[in-house]
Structure formats: structure tokens, C-alpha cells
PDB file of N, CA and C in Angstrom:
ATOM      1  N   UNK A   1      64.448  18.610  52.396  1.00  0.00           N
ATOM      2  CA  UNK A   1      63.961  17.780  51.310  1.00  0.00           C
ATOM      3  C   UNK A   1      64.368  16.343  51.578  1.00  0.00           C
ATOM      4  N   UNK A   2      63.415  15.467  51.465  1.00  0.00           N
ATOM      5  CA  UNK A   2      63.659  14.071  51.793  1.00  0.00           C
ATOM      6  C   UNK A   2      63.759  13.243  50.520  1.00  0.00           C
ATOM      7  N   UNK A   3      64.643  12.275  50.524  1.00  0.00           N
ATOM      8  CA  UNK A   3      64.775  11.361  49.402  1.00  0.00           C
ATOM      9  C   UNK A   3      64.188   9.998  49.736  1.00  0.00           C
ATOM     10  N   UNK A   4      63.331   9.953  50.750  1.00  0.00           N
ATOM     11  CA  UNK A   4      62.720   8.683  51.140  1.00  0.00           C
ATOM     12  C   UNK A   4      61.749   8.231  50.060  1.00  0.00           C
ATOM     13  N   UNK A   5      61.720   6.950  49.838  1.00  0.00           N
ATOM     14  CA  UNK A   5      60.821   6.394  48.833  1.00  0.00           C
ATOM     15  C   UNK A   5      59.414   6.271  49.396  1.00  0.00           C
ATOM     16  N   UNK A   6      58.462   6.413  48.497  1.00  0.00           N
ATOM     17  CA  UNK A   6      57.072   6.238  48.884  1.00  0.00           C
ATOM     18  C   UNK A   6      56.778   4.754  49.063  1.00  0.00           C
ATOM     19  N   UNK A   7      55.778   4.442  49.870  1.00  0.00           N
ATOM     20  CA  UNK A   7      55.348   3.043  49.917  1.00  0.00           C
ATOM     21  C   UNK A   7      54.866   2.605  48.532  1.00  0.00           C
ATOM     22  N   UNK A   8      55.029   1.351  48.231  1.00  0.00           N
ATOM     23  CA  UNK A   8      54.660   0.854  46.913  1.00  0.00           C
ATOM     24  C   UNK A   8      53.167   1.060  46.619  1.00  0.00           C
ATOM     25  N   UNK A   9      52.335   1.127  47.652  1.00  0.00           N
ATOM     26  CA  UNK A   9      50.906   1.363  47.434  1.00  0.00           C
ATOM     27  C   UNK A   9      50.680   2.745  46.820  1.00  0.00           C
ATOM     28  N   UNK A  10      51.477   3.732  47.230  1.00  0.00           N
ATOM     29  CA  UNK A  10      51.360   5.064  46.639  1.00  0.00           C
ATOM     30  C   UNK A  10      51.782   5.045  45.169  1.00  0.00           C
ATOM     31  N   UNK A  11      52.825   4.303  44.874  1.00  0.00           N
ATOM     32  CA  UNK A  11      53.295   4.220  43.491  1.00  0.00           C
ATOM     33  C   UNK A  11      52.261   3.510  42.633  1.00  0.00           C
ATOM     34  N   UNK A  12      51.638   2.480  43.175  1.00  0.00           N
ATOM     35  CA  UNK A  12      50.556   1.802  42.451  1.00  0.00           C
ATOM     36  C   UNK A  12      49.408   2.774  42.185  1.00  0.00           C
ATOM     37  N   UNK A  13      49.127   3.650  43.145  1.00  0.00           N
ATOM     38  CA  UNK A  13      48.052   4.627  42.985  1.00  0.00           C
ATOM     39  C   UNK A  13      48.411   5.669  41.928  1.00  0.00           C
ATOM     40  N   UNK A  14      49.671   6.079  41.868  1.00  0.00           N
ATOM     41  CA  UNK A  14      50.108   7.005  40.822  1.00  0.00           C
ATOM     42  C   UNK A  14      49.888   6.374  39.449  1.00  0.00           C
ATOM     43  N   UNK A  15      50.283   5.122  39.296  1.00  0.00           N
ATOM     44  CA  UNK A  15      50.099   4.435  38.013  1.00  0.00           C
ATOM     45  C   UNK A  15      48.622   4.269  37.676  1.00  0.00           C
ATOM     46  N   UNK A  16      47.803   3.968  38.682  1.00  0.00           N
ATOM     47  CA  UNK A  16      46.369   3.804  38.433  1.00  0.00           C
ATOM     48  C   UNK A  16      45.739   5.115  37.988  1.00  0.00           C
ATOM     49  N   UNK A  17      46.075   6.203  38.680  1.00  0.00           N
ATOM     50  CA  UNK A  17      45.495   7.493  38.322  1.00  0.00           C
ATOM     51  C   UNK A  17      45.939   7.950  36.938  1.00  0.00           C
ATOM     52  N   UNK A  18      47.150   7.630  36.547  1.00  0.00           N
ATOM     53  CA  UNK A  18      47.644   8.026  35.233  1.00  0.00           C
ATOM     54  C   UNK A  18      47.023   7.188  34.126  1.00  0.00           C
ATOM     55  N   UNK A  19      47.067   5.878  34.259  1.00  0.00           N
ATOM     56  CA  UNK A  19      46.679   5.001  33.156  1.00  0.00           C
ATOM     57  C   UNK A  19      45.201   4.633  33.161  1.00  0.00           C
ATOM     58  N   UNK A  20      44.622   4.430  34.315  1.00  0.00           N
ATOM     59  CA  UNK A  20      43.235   3.984  34.389  1.00  0.00           C
ATOM     60  C   UNK A  20      42.272   5.160  34.382  1.00  0.00           C
ATOM     61  N   UNK A  21      42.576   6.200  35.152  1.00  0.00           N
ATOM     62  CA  UNK A  21      41.698   7.356  35.251  1.00  0.00           C
ATOM     63  C   UNK A  21      42.038   8.388  34.183  1.00  0.00           C
ATOM     64  N   UNK A  22      43.302   8.450  33.772  1.00  0.00           N
ATOM     65  CA  UNK A  22      43.713   9.366  32.722  1.00  0.00           C
ATOM     66  C   UNK A  22      44.070  10.758  33.212  1.00  0.00           C
ATOM     67  N   UNK A  23      44.432  10.892  34.476  1.00  0.00           N
ATOM     68  CA  UNK A  23      44.800  12.198  35.013  1.00  0.00           C
ATOM     69  C   UNK A  23      46.218  12.570  34.577  1.00  0.00           C
ATOM     70  N   UNK A  24      46.479  13.861  34.571  1.00  0.00           N
ATOM     71  CA  UNK A  24      47.810  14.364  34.273  1.00  0.00           C
ATOM     72  C   UNK A  24      48.653  14.418  35.536  1.00  0.00           C
ATOM     73  N   UNK A  25      49.852  14.930  35.378  1.00  0.00           N
ATOM     74  CA  UNK A  25      50.790  14.963  36.499  1.00  0.00           C
ATOM     75  C   UNK A  25      50.309  15.902  37.600  1.00  0.00           C
ATOM     76  N   UNK A  26      49.819  17.078  37.231  1.00  0.00           N
ATOM     77  CA  UNK A  26      49.371  18.037  38.249  1.00  0.00           C
ATOM     78  C   UNK A  26      48.195  17.514  39.077  1.00  0.00           C
ATOM     79  N   UNK A  27      47.128  17.001  38.445  1.00  0.00           N
ATOM     80  CA  UNK A  27      46.032  16.475  39.273  1.00  0.00           C
ATOM     81  C   UNK A  27      46.453  15.305  40.151  1.00  0.00           C
ATOM     82  N   UNK A  28      47.338  14.464  39.662  1.00  0.00           N
ATOM     83  CA  UNK A  28      47.826  13.344  40.471  1.00  0.00           C
ATOM     84  C   UNK A  28      48.597  13.880  41.674  1.00  0.00           C
ATOM     85  N   UNK A  29      49.456  14.873  41.438  1.00  0.00           N
ATOM     86  CA  UNK A  29      50.254  15.407  42.540  1.00  0.00           C
ATOM     87  C   UNK A  29      49.363  16.076  43.582  1.00  0.00           C
ATOM     88  N   UNK A  30      48.314  16.755  43.131  1.00  0.00           N
ATOM     89  CA  UNK A  30      47.394  17.384  44.087  1.00  0.00           C
ATOM     90  C   UNK A  30      46.593  16.352  44.864  1.00  0.00           C
ATOM     91  N   UNK A  31      46.123  15.323  44.184  1.00  0.00           N
ATOM     92  CA  UNK A  31      45.273  14.348  44.867  1.00  0.00           C
ATOM     93  C   UNK A  31      46.045  13.496  45.871  1.00  0.00           C
ATOM     94  N   UNK A  32      47.336  13.268  45.620  1.00  0.00           N
ATOM     95  CA  UNK A  32      48.135  12.438  46.523  1.00  0.00           C
ATOM     96  C   UNK A  32      49.025  13.252  47.446  1.00  0.00           C
ATOM     97  N   UNK A  33      49.080  14.561  47.254  1.00  0.00           N
ATOM     98  CA  UNK A  33      49.917  15.394  48.104  1.00  0.00           C
ATOM     99  C   UNK A  33      51.397  15.216  47.832  1.00  0.00           C
ATOM    100  N   UNK A  34      51.745  14.980  46.585  1.00  0.00           N
ATOM    101  CA  UNK A  34      53.140  14.794  46.184  1.00  0.00           C
ATOM    102  C   UNK A  34      53.556  15.940  45.279  1.00  0.00           C
ATOM    103  N   UNK A  35      54.846  16.129  45.127  1.00  0.00           N
ATOM    104  CA  UNK A  35      55.314  17.139  44.184  1.00  0.00           C
ATOM    105  C   UNK A  35      55.164  16.608  42.764  1.00  0.00           C
ATOM    106  N   UNK A  36      55.089  17.537  41.819  1.00  0.00           N
ATOM    107  CA  UNK A  36      54.974  17.134  40.411  1.00  0.00           C
ATOM    108  C   UNK A  36      56.212  16.367  39.975  1.00  0.00           C
ATOM    109  N   UNK A  37      57.372  16.769  40.472  1.00  0.00           N
ATOM    110  CA  UNK A  37      58.610  16.075  40.097  1.00  0.00           C
ATOM    111  C   UNK A  37      58.629  14.637  40.606  1.00  0.00           C
ATOM    112  N   UNK A  38      58.067  14.404  41.782  1.00  0.00           N
ATOM    113  CA  UNK A  38      58.006  13.049  42.323  1.00  0.00           C
ATOM    114  C   UNK A  38      57.104  12.180  41.459  1.00  0.00           C
ATOM    115  N   UNK A  39      55.941  12.709  41.101  1.00  0.00           N
ATOM    116  CA  UNK A  39      55.010  11.959  40.254  1.00  0.00           C
ATOM    117  C   UNK A  39      55.667  11.677  38.910  1.00  0.00           C
ATOM    118  N   UNK A  40      56.306  12.676  38.317  1.00  0.00           N
ATOM    119  CA  UNK A  40      56.965  12.498  37.027  1.00  0.00           C
ATOM    120  C   UNK A  40      58.068  11.450  37.127  1.00  0.00           C
ATOM    121  N   UNK A  41      58.838  11.483  38.211  1.00  0.00           N
ATOM    122  CA  UNK A  41      59.917  10.517  38.395  1.00  0.00           C
ATOM    123  C   UNK A  41      59.378   9.097  38.436  1.00  0.00           C
ATOM    124  N   UNK A  42      58.291   8.880  39.179  1.00  0.00           N
ATOM    125  CA  UNK A  42      57.721   7.533  39.256  1.00  0.00           C
ATOM    126  C   UNK A  42      57.155   7.082  37.921  1.00  0.00           C
ATOM    127  N   UNK A  43      56.561   7.988  37.169  1.00  0.00           N
ATOM    128  CA  UNK A  43      56.028   7.613  35.859  1.00  0.00           C
ATOM    129  C   UNK A  43      57.158   7.281  34.883  1.00  0.00           C
ATOM    130  N   UNK A  44      58.242   8.029  34.942  1.00  0.00           N
ATOM    131  CA  UNK A  44      59.385   7.753  34.068  1.00  0.00           C
ATOM    132  C   UNK A  44      60.031   6.429  34.454  1.00  0.00           C
ATOM    133  N   UNK A  45      60.180   6.189  35.748  1.00  0.00           N
ATOM    134  CA  UNK A  45      60.756   4.919  36.200  1.00  0.00           C
ATOM    135  C   UNK A  45      59.896   3.734  35.760  1.00  0.00           C
ATOM    136  N   UNK A  46      58.587   3.882  35.880  1.00  0.00           N
ATOM    137  CA  UNK A  46      57.685   2.796  35.483  1.00  0.00           C
ATOM    138  C   UNK A  46      57.761   2.553  33.980  1.00  0.00           C
ATOM    139  N   UNK A  47      57.833   3.632  33.205  1.00  0.00           N
ATOM    140  CA  UNK A  47      57.920   3.478  31.758  1.00  0.00           C
ATOM    141  C   UNK A  47      59.228   2.810  31.356  1.00  0.00           C
ATOM    142  N   UNK A  48      60.336   3.208  31.968  1.00  0.00           N
ATOM    143  CA  UNK A  48      61.615   2.600  31.617  1.00  0.00           C
ATOM    144  C   UNK A  48      61.706   1.155  32.099  1.00  0.00           C
ATOM    145  N   UNK A  49      60.920   0.795  33.131  1.00  0.00           N
ATOM    146  CA  UNK A  49      60.889  -0.593  33.592  1.00  0.00           C
ATOM    147  C   UNK A  49      59.897  -1.421  32.793  1.00  0.00           C
ATOM    148  N   UNK A  50      59.162  -0.782  31.871  1.00  0.00           N
ATOM    149  CA  UNK A  50      58.197  -1.507  31.051  1.00  0.00           C
ATOM    150  C   UNK A  50      56.906  -1.816  31.787  1.00  0.00           C
ATOM    151  N   UNK A  51      56.578  -1.009  32.792  1.00  0.00           N
ATOM    152  CA  UNK A  51      55.370  -1.241  33.576  1.00  0.00           C
ATOM    153  C   UNK A  51      54.262  -0.304  33.123  1.00  0.00           C
ATOM    154  N   UNK A  52      53.076  -0.822  33.023  1.00  0.00           N
ATOM    155  CA  UNK A  52      51.900  -0.025  32.727  1.00  0.00           C
ATOM    156  C   UNK A  52      50.855  -0.312  33.775  1.00  0.00           C
ATOM    157  N   UNK A  53      49.618  -0.062  33.420  1.00  0.00           N
ATOM    158  CA  UNK A  53      48.546  -0.380  34.356  1.00  0.00           C
ATOM    159  C   UNK A  53      47.453  -1.087  33.579  1.00  0.00           C
ATOM    160  N   UNK A  54      46.883  -2.121  34.072  1.00  0.00           N
ATOM    161  CA  UNK A  54      47.059  -2.686  35.404  1.00  0.00           C
ATOM    162  C   UNK A  54      48.367  -3.464  35.517  1.00  0.00           C
ATOM    163  N   UNK A  55      48.909  -3.430  36.695  1.00  0.00           N
ATOM    164  CA  UNK A  55      50.115  -4.195  36.972  1.00  0.00           C
ATOM    165  C   UNK A  55      49.755  -5.673  37.019  1.00  0.00           C
ATOM    166  N   UNK A  56      50.692  -6.540  36.713  1.00  0.00           N
ATOM    167  CA  UNK A  56      50.414  -7.972  36.828  1.00  0.00           C
ATOM    168  C   UNK A  56      49.975  -8.321  38.251  1.00  0.00           C
ATOM    169  N   UNK A  57      48.951  -9.151  38.413  1.00  0.00           N
ATOM    170  CA  UNK A  57      48.451  -9.457  39.755  1.00  0.00           C
ATOM    171  C   UNK A  57      49.462 -10.176  40.643  1.00  0.00           C
ATOM    172  N   UNK A  58      50.421 -10.865  40.052  1.00  0.00           N
ATOM    173  CA  UNK A  58      51.397 -11.592  40.855  1.00  0.00           C
ATOM    174  C   UNK A  58      52.642 -10.741  41.173  1.00  0.00           C
ATOM    175  N   UNK A  59      52.634  -9.460  40.789  1.00  0.00           N
ATOM    176  CA  UNK A  59      53.766  -8.578  41.054  1.00  0.00           C
ATOM    177  C   UNK A  59      53.688  -8.058  42.483  1.00  0.00           C
ATOM    178  N   UNK A  60      54.546  -8.580  43.333  1.00  0.00           N
ATOM    179  CA  UNK A  60      54.565  -8.189  44.742  1.00  0.00           C
ATOM    180  C   UNK A  60      55.330  -6.872  44.900  1.00  0.00           C
ATOM    181  N   UNK A  61      55.178  -6.255  46.065  1.00  0.00           N
ATOM    182  CA  UNK A  61      55.803  -4.959  46.314  1.00  0.00           C
ATOM    183  C   UNK A  61      57.322  -5.016  46.218  1.00  0.00           C
ATOM    184  N   UNK A  62      57.920  -6.073  46.704  1.00  0.00           N
ATOM    185  CA  UNK A  62      59.378  -6.197  46.655  1.00  0.00           C
ATOM    186  C   UNK A  62      59.874  -6.265  45.215  1.00  0.00           C
ATOM    187  N   UNK A  63      59.165  -7.012  44.379  1.00  0.00           N
ATOM    188  CA  UNK A  63      59.551  -7.125  42.972  1.00  0.00           C
ATOM    189  C   UNK A  63      59.321  -5.803  42.245  1.00  0.00           C
ATOM    190  N   UNK A  64      58.233  -5.114  42.575  1.00  0.00           N
ATOM    191  CA  UNK A  64      57.967  -3.807  41.984  1.00  0.00           C
ATOM    192  C   UNK A  64      59.082  -2.828  42.331  1.00  0.00           C
ATOM    193  N   UNK A  65      59.521  -2.847  43.569  1.00  0.00           N
ATOM    194  CA  UNK A  65      60.603  -1.955  43.982  1.00  0.00           C
ATOM    195  C   UNK A  65      61.898  -2.294  43.260  1.00  0.00           C
ATOM    196  N   UNK A  66      62.183  -3.571  43.062  1.00  0.00           N
ATOM    197  CA  UNK A  66      63.392  -3.976  42.343  1.00  0.00           C
ATOM    198  C   UNK A  66      63.350  -3.503  40.898  1.00  0.00           C
ATOM    199  N   UNK A  67      62.158  -3.542  40.299  1.00  0.00           N
ATOM    200  CA  UNK A  67      62.043  -3.120  38.902  1.00  0.00           C
ATOM    201  C   UNK A  67      62.111  -1.609  38.752  1.00  0.00           C
ATOM    202  N   UNK A  68      61.584  -0.880  39.733  1.00  0.00           N
ATOM    203  CA  UNK A  68      61.631   0.578  39.663  1.00  0.00           C
ATOM    204  C   UNK A  68      62.987   1.130  40.072  1.00  0.00           C
ATOM    205  N   UNK A  69      63.671   0.428  40.951  1.00  0.00           N
ATOM    206  CA  UNK A  69      64.966   0.870  41.454  1.00  0.00           C
ATOM    207  C   UNK A  69      66.005  -0.219  41.237  1.00  0.00           C
ATOM    208  N   UNK A  70      66.417  -0.443  40.007  1.00  0.00           N
ATOM    209  CA  UNK A  70      67.423  -1.486  39.782  1.00  0.00           C
ATOM    210  C   UNK A  70      68.757  -1.071  40.393  1.00  0.00           C
ATOM    211  N   UNK A  71      69.507  -2.065  40.808  1.00  0.00           N
ATOM    212  CA  UNK A  71      70.824  -1.814  41.396  1.00  0.00           C
ATOM    213  C   UNK A  71      71.753  -1.400  40.261  1.00  0.00           C
ATOM    214  N   UNK A  72      72.378  -0.226  40.379  1.00  0.00           N
ATOM    215  CA  UNK A  72      73.265   0.203  39.289  1.00  0.00           C
ATOM    216  C   UNK A  72      74.493  -0.696  39.209  1.00  0.00           C
ATOM    217  N   UNK A  73      74.897  -0.957  37.998  1.00  0.00           N
ATOM    218  CA  UNK A  73      76.084  -1.788  37.821  1.00  0.00           C
ATOM    219  C   UNK A  73      77.316  -0.897  37.943  1.00  0.00           C
ATOM    220  N   UNK A  74      78.123  -1.197  38.932  1.00  0.00           N
ATOM    221  CA  UNK A  74      79.331  -0.427  39.206  1.00  0.00           C
ATOM    222  C   UNK A  74      80.523  -1.335  38.935  1.00  0.00           C
ATOM    223  N   UNK A  75      81.490  -0.828  38.189  1.00  0.00           N
ATOM    224  CA  UNK A  75      82.661  -1.682  37.960  1.00  0.00           C
ATOM    225  C   UNK A  75      83.358  -2.000  39.280  1.00  0.00           C
ATOM    226  N   UNK A  76      83.914  -3.200  39.362  1.00  0.00           N
ATOM    227  CA  UNK A  76      84.552  -3.652  40.597  1.00  0.00           C
ATOM    228  C   UNK A  76      85.726  -2.753  40.976  1.00  0.00           C
ATOM    229  N   UNK A  77      86.556  -2.429  40.020  1.00  0.00           N
ATOM    230  CA  UNK A  77      87.682  -1.539  40.296  1.00  0.00           C
ATOM    231  C   UNK A  77      87.654  -0.411  39.264  1.00  0.00           C
ATOM    232  N   UNK A  78      87.440   0.805  39.724  1.00  0.00           N
ATOM    233  CA  UNK A  78      87.425   1.911  38.761  1.00  0.00           C
ATOM    234  C   UNK A  78      88.821   2.133  38.176  1.00  0.00           C
ATOM    235  N   UNK A  79      88.865   2.435  36.907  1.00  0.00           N
ATOM    236  CA  UNK A  79      90.127   2.678  36.231  1.00  0.00           C
ATOM    237  C   UNK A  79      90.404   4.173  36.321  1.00  0.00           C
ATOM    238  N   UNK A  80      91.439   4.508  37.062  1.00  0.00           N
ATOM    239  CA  UNK A  80      91.825   5.902  37.220  1.00  0.00           C
ATOM    240  C   UNK A  80      93.286   6.065  36.831  1.00  0.00           C
ATOM    241  N   UNK A  81      93.590   7.168  36.203  1.00  0.00           N
ATOM    242  CA  UNK A  81      94.993   7.366  35.839  1.00  0.00           C
ATOM    243  C   UNK A  81      95.825   7.673  37.084  1.00  0.00           C
ATOM    244  N   UNK A  82      97.061   7.278  37.022  1.00  0.00           N
ATOM    245  CA  UNK A  82      97.977   7.559  38.105  1.00  0.00           C
ATOM    246  C   UNK A  82      98.323   9.057  38.088  1.00  0.00           C
ATOM    247  N   UNK A  83      98.434   9.648  39.265  1.00  0.00           N
ATOM    248  CA  UNK A  83      98.781  11.074  39.286  1.00  0.00           C
ATOM    249  C   UNK A  83     100.205  11.315  38.806  1.00  0.00           C
ATOM    250  N   UNK A  84     100.405  12.461  38.205  1.00  0.00           N
ATOM    251  CA  UNK A  84     101.743  12.853  37.742  1.00  0.00           C
ATOM    252  C   UNK A  84     102.426  13.574  38.895  1.00  0.00           C
ATOM    253  N   UNK A  85     103.238  12.860  39.656  1.00  0.00           N
ATOM    254  CA  UNK A  85     103.871  13.412  40.851  1.00  0.00           C
ATOM    255  C   UNK A  85     104.869  14.512  40.498  1.00  0.00           C
ATOM    256  N   UNK A  86     105.506  14.439  39.357  1.00  0.00           N
ATOM    257  CA  UNK A  86     106.491  15.449  38.968  1.00  0.00           C
ATOM    258  C   UNK A  86     105.811  16.779  38.680  1.00  0.00           C
ATOM    259  N   UNK A  87     104.566  16.725  38.258  1.00  0.00           N
ATOM    260  CA  UNK A  87     103.831  17.942  37.950  1.00  0.00           C
ATOM    261  C   UNK A  87     103.505  18.667  39.214  1.00  0.00           C
TER     262      UNK A  87
END
């Protein structure tokens, strides 16, 4: 099982088929040769990023990827309790 991301053109096609054509997850997955979970994941990511269809014409692939895959905020130093050596 691969966790490689699809090219942004495929993600644009998933959004087009969902919003413009009105297909469900299963027909989209069959037409693009993707798993249903992959299609669902991209639709959920797009919805949480506030993206619909049509996408803004000035939205480039790099910006689309940044919006779909935001960098998680990780604290600089995790707070962990000190181990109890006597235990």
C-alpha cells in the first residue's frame, strides 16, 4: 500500500466529478481507478480547506497542495514527565 500523493490534476478531477458532474464516491473511484477511501480523503480534505468547485483560476498546484496538506503545528519541545527512577 502506497501513501504517495496523487498529482494535483487528479485531485482537481475528483473535485470536478463530485461538484460539477454530481457523481458519488464509488463512480468517481471507478472512473479514476482510485480506492473509495482515497476519493473520500481528498473530498474531506478539500471541504476542511474550504475548497469547492470550480477552484479559483489563480490557484496553482503548489498552493492547492499547501491547502490540502497543511503543515501540522508541532510544539518545539514536547512536555514529558520525568521518569520515576525509584519505581
